[in-house]
Amino acid sequence: MTPFDRLKTLADKQGLSVNDVERRIGLGRNTLYSWKKKIPSGNNLIKVADFFHVSTDFLLGRSTDSTADLDDDNVIFTYQGKPLSKEDKALIKRLMNGKD
């Protein structure tokens, strides 16, 4: 399975097209389709991994565990691929535990 195949599978599971993913993470049209024939660049690979909350190793096929190298806070507490502040994380944890 190529990085593009993994990306496409992740997008399909969320009801997104590859072009939708490109728009949401600020990449040019057909940038991700180039993954069909070449290994993705580091920056774009990281953007896609962050967007889908998976590891870069998973996208590259080096791991079958999509979250192998991510810590729990970064998996749970991101918005549009960017980590939340410590204060926002603490507030969300309190809300999830019914303490606010």
N, C-alpha and C. Protein backbone atom coordinates (compact mmCIF):
# COMPACT_ATOMS: atom_id res chain seq x y z
N MET A 1 0.85 -1.18 0.00
CA MET A 1 0.00 0.00 0.00
C MET A 1 0.89 1.24 0.00
N THR A 2 0.66 2.16 -0.92
CA THR A 2 1.47 3.38 -1.02
C THR A 2 0.98 4.44 -0.02
N PRO A 3 1.80 5.48 0.23
CA PRO A 3 1.33 6.57 1.08
C PRO A 3 0.02 7.17 0.56
N PHE A 4 -0.11 7.27 -0.78
CA PHE A 4 -1.35 7.79 -1.34
C PHE A 4 -2.54 6.89 -0.99
N ASP A 5 -2.34 5.57 -1.07
CA ASP A 5 -3.42 4.63 -0.74
C ASP A 5 -3.86 4.80 0.71
N ARG A 6 -2.89 4.97 1.61
CA ARG A 6 -3.23 5.16 3.02
C ARG A 6 -3.97 6.48 3.22
N LEU A 7 -3.48 7.53 2.58
CA LEU A 7 -4.14 8.83 2.65
C LEU A 7 -5.57 8.74 2.13
N LYS A 8 -5.75 8.11 1.00
CA LYS A 8 -7.08 7.97 0.38
C LYS A 8 -8.02 7.20 1.29
N THR A 9 -7.53 6.14 1.91
CA THR A 9 -8.35 5.35 2.84
C THR A 9 -8.78 6.21 4.03
N LEU A 10 -7.85 6.98 4.59
CA LEU A 10 -8.18 7.85 5.72
C LEU A 10 -9.20 8.91 5.32
N ALA A 11 -9.02 9.49 4.15
CA ALA A 11 -9.96 10.51 3.67
C ALA A 11 -11.34 9.90 3.44
N ASP A 12 -11.39 8.74 2.82
CA ASP A 12 -12.67 8.07 2.57
C ASP A 12 -13.42 7.80 3.86
N LYS A 13 -12.70 7.38 4.90
CA LYS A 13 -13.34 7.08 6.19
C LYS A 13 -14.00 8.31 6.78
N GLN A 14 -13.49 9.49 6.43
CA GLN A 14 -14.07 10.74 6.95
C GLN A 14 -14.99 11.41 5.94
N GLY A 15 -15.25 10.73 4.84
CA GLY A 15 -16.15 11.28 3.83
C GLY A 15 -15.54 12.46 3.08
N LEU A 16 -14.21 12.46 2.95
CA LEU A 16 -13.52 13.54 2.27
C LEU A 16 -12.87 13.04 0.99
N SER A 17 -12.74 13.94 0.04
CA SER A 17 -11.96 13.63 -1.16
C SER A 17 -10.52 14.06 -0.89
N VAL A 18 -9.61 13.61 -1.73
CA VAL A 18 -8.21 14.03 -1.60
C VAL A 18 -8.11 15.55 -1.81
N ASN A 19 -8.90 16.08 -2.73
CA ASN A 19 -8.90 17.53 -2.95
C ASN A 19 -9.41 18.28 -1.73
N ASP A 20 -10.40 17.71 -1.01
CA ASP A 20 -10.87 18.32 0.23
C ASP A 20 -9.74 18.42 1.25
N VAL A 21 -8.97 17.35 1.37
CA VAL A 21 -7.85 17.33 2.31
C VAL A 21 -6.83 18.38 1.92
N GLU A 22 -6.51 18.47 0.64
CA GLU A 22 -5.56 19.48 0.16
C GLU A 22 -6.01 20.89 0.54
N ARG A 23 -7.27 21.19 0.32
CA ARG A 23 -7.79 22.52 0.65
C ARG A 23 -7.72 22.79 2.14
N ARG A 24 -8.11 21.80 2.93
CA ARG A 24 -8.16 22.01 4.38
C ARG A 24 -6.79 22.20 5.02
N ILE A 25 -5.75 21.62 4.42
CA ILE A 25 -4.42 21.78 5.02
C ILE A 25 -3.55 22.76 4.23
N GLY A 26 -4.14 23.41 3.25
CA GLY A 26 -3.45 24.48 2.54
C GLY A 26 -2.44 24.04 1.50
N LEU A 27 -2.70 22.93 0.85
CA LEU A 27 -1.82 22.45 -0.21
C LEU A 27 -2.45 22.76 -1.57
N GLY A 28 -1.60 22.88 -2.58
CA GLY A 28 -2.09 23.12 -3.93
C GLY A 28 -2.83 21.91 -4.48
N ARG A 29 -3.68 22.19 -5.45
CA ARG A 29 -4.47 21.12 -6.08
C ARG A 29 -3.54 20.08 -6.69
N ASN A 30 -3.86 18.83 -6.48
CA ASN A 30 -3.14 17.66 -6.99
C ASN A 30 -1.77 17.42 -6.34
N THR A 31 -1.45 18.18 -5.30
CA THR A 31 -0.19 17.94 -4.58
C THR A 31 -0.15 16.54 -4.02
N LEU A 32 -1.24 16.11 -3.41
CA LEU A 32 -1.27 14.79 -2.78
C LEU A 32 -1.36 13.67 -3.79
N TYR A 33 -1.90 13.95 -4.98
CA TYR A 33 -1.94 12.92 -6.00
C TYR A 33 -0.55 12.53 -6.47
N SER A 34 0.43 13.43 -6.27
CA SER A 34 1.81 13.10 -6.65
C SER A 34 2.36 11.96 -5.78
N TRP A 35 1.71 11.71 -4.64
CA TRP A 35 2.14 10.63 -3.76
C TRP A 35 1.95 9.26 -4.41
N LYS A 36 1.21 9.21 -5.50
CA LYS A 36 1.03 7.94 -6.21
C LYS A 36 2.34 7.46 -6.82
N LYS A 37 3.21 8.41 -7.19
CA LYS A 37 4.42 8.06 -7.92
C LYS A 37 5.72 8.38 -7.19
N LYS A 38 5.64 9.19 -6.13
CA LYS A 38 6.88 9.53 -5.43
C LYS A 38 6.64 9.60 -3.92
N ILE A 39 7.71 9.50 -3.18
CA ILE A 39 7.64 9.57 -1.73
C ILE A 39 7.32 11.02 -1.34
N PRO A 40 6.37 11.21 -0.42
CA PRO A 40 5.97 12.57 -0.04
C PRO A 40 7.11 13.35 0.63
N SER A 41 7.07 14.67 0.47
CA SER A 41 8.06 15.53 1.14
C SER A 41 7.76 15.57 2.63
N GLY A 42 8.75 15.90 3.40
CA GLY A 42 8.61 15.92 4.86
C GLY A 42 7.50 16.82 5.36
N ASN A 43 7.44 18.07 4.89
CA ASN A 43 6.44 19.01 5.38
C ASN A 43 5.03 18.57 5.06
N ASN A 44 4.80 18.14 3.84
CA ASN A 44 3.45 17.70 3.46
C ASN A 44 3.07 16.42 4.19
N LEU A 45 4.02 15.55 4.38
CA LEU A 45 3.77 14.31 5.11
C LEU A 45 3.33 14.62 6.54
N ILE A 46 4.01 15.55 7.17
CA ILE A 46 3.66 15.94 8.54
C ILE A 46 2.28 16.59 8.58
N LYS A 47 1.99 17.46 7.62
CA LYS A 47 0.67 18.11 7.58
C LYS A 47 -0.45 17.08 7.49
N VAL A 48 -0.28 16.10 6.62
CA VAL A 48 -1.31 15.08 6.44
C VAL A 48 -1.42 14.21 7.70
N ALA A 49 -0.28 13.83 8.27
CA ALA A 49 -0.30 13.02 9.49
C ALA A 49 -1.00 13.77 10.61
N ASP A 50 -0.70 15.05 10.77
CA ASP A 50 -1.36 15.85 11.81
C ASP A 50 -2.86 15.98 11.55
N PHE A 51 -3.23 16.19 10.30
CA PHE A 51 -4.64 16.35 9.95
C PHE A 51 -5.45 15.10 10.33
N PHE A 52 -4.89 13.93 10.04
CA PHE A 52 -5.60 12.68 10.31
C PHE A 52 -5.26 12.08 11.67
N HIS A 53 -4.36 12.73 12.42
CA HIS A 53 -3.95 12.23 13.74
C HIS A 53 -3.35 10.83 13.65
N VAL A 54 -2.46 10.67 12.68
CA VAL A 54 -1.74 9.41 12.52
C VAL A 54 -0.24 9.71 12.51
N SER A 55 0.56 8.70 12.64
CA SER A 55 2.01 8.89 12.58
C SER A 55 2.48 8.94 11.13
N THR A 56 3.60 9.60 10.91
CA THR A 56 4.19 9.63 9.57
C THR A 56 4.63 8.23 9.16
N ASP A 57 5.09 7.42 10.12
CA ASP A 57 5.47 6.04 9.81
C ASP A 57 4.28 5.25 9.28
N PHE A 58 3.10 5.51 9.81
CA PHE A 58 1.91 4.83 9.30
C PHE A 58 1.66 5.21 7.83
N LEU A 59 1.73 6.51 7.52
CA LEU A 59 1.51 6.94 6.14
C LEU A 59 2.54 6.36 5.18
N LEU A 60 3.76 6.19 5.66
CA LEU A 60 4.82 5.65 4.81
C LEU A 60 4.82 4.13 4.74
N GLY A 61 3.96 3.50 5.53
CA GLY A 61 3.89 2.04 5.51
C GLY A 61 4.94 1.37 6.37
N ARG A 62 5.58 2.14 7.23
CA ARG A 62 6.60 1.59 8.12
C ARG A 62 6.02 1.06 9.40
N SER A 63 4.72 1.31 9.61
CA SER A 63 4.03 0.85 10.80
C SER A 63 2.57 0.58 10.44
N THR A 64 1.99 -0.42 11.06
CA THR A 64 0.57 -0.67 10.86
C THR A 64 -0.26 0.00 11.95
N ASP A 65 0.41 0.51 12.97
CA ASP A 65 -0.25 1.22 14.07
C ASP A 65 -0.26 2.70 13.73
N SER A 66 -1.43 3.25 13.44
CA SER A 66 -1.51 4.63 12.97
C SER A 66 -1.09 5.65 14.02
N THR A 67 -1.08 5.29 15.29
CA THR A 67 -0.75 6.25 16.34
C THR A 67 0.54 5.90 17.07
N ALA A 68 1.38 5.11 16.49
CA ALA A 68 2.56 4.57 17.17
C ALA A 68 3.45 5.63 17.81
N ASP A 69 3.68 6.75 17.16
CA ASP A 69 4.63 7.71 17.70
C ASP A 69 3.98 8.99 18.21
N LEU A 70 2.70 8.96 18.47
CA LEU A 70 2.01 10.14 18.95
C LEU A 70 1.67 9.99 20.42
N ASP A 71 1.83 11.09 21.18
CA ASP A 71 1.40 11.00 22.57
C ASP A 71 -0.09 11.32 22.64
N ASP A 72 -0.74 10.88 23.69
CA ASP A 72 -2.19 10.98 23.79
C ASP A 72 -2.71 12.41 23.68
N ASP A 73 -2.03 13.37 24.31
CA ASP A 73 -2.51 14.74 24.25
C ASP A 73 -2.51 15.28 22.83
N ASN A 74 -1.50 14.96 22.03
CA ASN A 74 -1.46 15.46 20.66
C ASN A 74 -2.48 14.77 19.78
N VAL A 75 -2.81 13.53 20.07
CA VAL A 75 -3.83 12.83 19.29
C VAL A 75 -5.20 13.43 19.57
N ILE A 76 -5.48 13.67 20.84
CA ILE A 76 -6.80 14.15 21.24
C ILE A 76 -6.93 15.65 21.08
N PHE A 77 -5.91 16.38 21.43
CA PHE A 77 -6.02 17.82 21.53
C PHE A 77 -5.32 18.57 20.40
N THR A 78 -5.88 18.47 19.22
CA THR A 78 -5.42 19.27 18.10
C THR A 78 -6.64 19.86 17.42
N TYR A 79 -6.44 20.98 16.77
CA TYR A 79 -7.50 21.60 15.99
C TYR A 79 -6.90 22.02 14.66
N GLN A 80 -7.43 21.50 13.60
CA GLN A 80 -6.94 21.75 12.24
C GLN A 80 -5.44 21.47 12.15
N GLY A 81 -5.02 20.38 12.79
CA GLY A 81 -3.64 19.94 12.71
C GLY A 81 -2.67 20.69 13.60
N LYS A 82 -3.17 21.61 14.44
CA LYS A 82 -2.30 22.40 15.31
C LYS A 82 -2.61 22.06 16.76
N PRO A 83 -1.57 21.89 17.58
CA PRO A 83 -1.81 21.56 18.99
C PRO A 83 -2.50 22.71 19.72
N LEU A 84 -3.33 22.37 20.69
CA LEU A 84 -3.97 23.38 21.53
C LEU A 84 -3.01 23.82 22.63
N SER A 85 -3.28 24.97 23.22
CA SER A 85 -2.46 25.45 24.34
C SER A 85 -2.68 24.56 25.56
N LYS A 86 -1.77 24.63 26.51
CA LYS A 86 -1.91 23.86 27.75
C LYS A 86 -3.19 24.23 28.48
N GLU A 87 -3.53 25.52 28.45
CA GLU A 87 -4.75 25.98 29.12
C GLU A 87 -6.00 25.38 28.48
N ASP A 88 -6.03 25.37 27.15
CA ASP A 88 -7.17 24.80 26.43
C ASP A 88 -7.28 23.30 26.70
N LYS A 89 -6.14 22.61 26.72
CA LYS A 89 -6.14 21.17 27.02
C LYS A 89 -6.70 20.91 28.41
N ALA A 90 -6.27 21.72 29.38
CA ALA A 90 -6.73 21.54 30.76
C ALA A 90 -8.23 21.79 30.85
N LEU A 91 -8.73 22.82 30.17
CA LEU A 91 -10.16 23.11 30.18
C LEU A 91 -10.95 21.96 29.57
N ILE A 92 -10.50 21.44 28.46
CA ILE A 92 -11.20 20.33 27.81
C ILE A 92 -11.21 19.10 28.71
N LYS A 93 -10.08 18.81 29.35
CA LYS A 93 -10.02 17.67 30.27
C LYS A 93 -11.02 17.85 31.41
N ARG A 94 -11.08 19.06 31.97
CA ARG A 94 -12.04 19.32 33.05
C ARG A 94 -13.47 19.14 32.57
N LEU A 95 -13.78 19.65 31.39
CA LEU A 95 -15.13 19.52 30.83
C LEU A 95 -15.48 18.07 30.57
N MET A 96 -14.50 17.30 30.07
CA MET A 96 -14.76 15.89 29.78
C MET A 96 -14.99 15.09 31.06
N ASN A 97 -14.39 15.55 32.14
CA ASN A 97 -14.56 14.87 33.42
C ASN A 97 -15.71 15.45 34.23
N GLY A 98 -16.47 16.40 33.64
CA GLY A 98 -17.64 16.98 34.31
C GLY A 98 -17.29 17.87 35.48
N LYS A 99 -16.16 18.56 35.41
CA LYS A 99 -15.73 19.38 36.53
C LYS A 99 -15.91 20.87 36.28
N ASP A 100 -16.59 21.27 35.24
CA ASP A 100 -16.85 22.70 35.00
C ASP A 100 -18.28 22.90 34.60
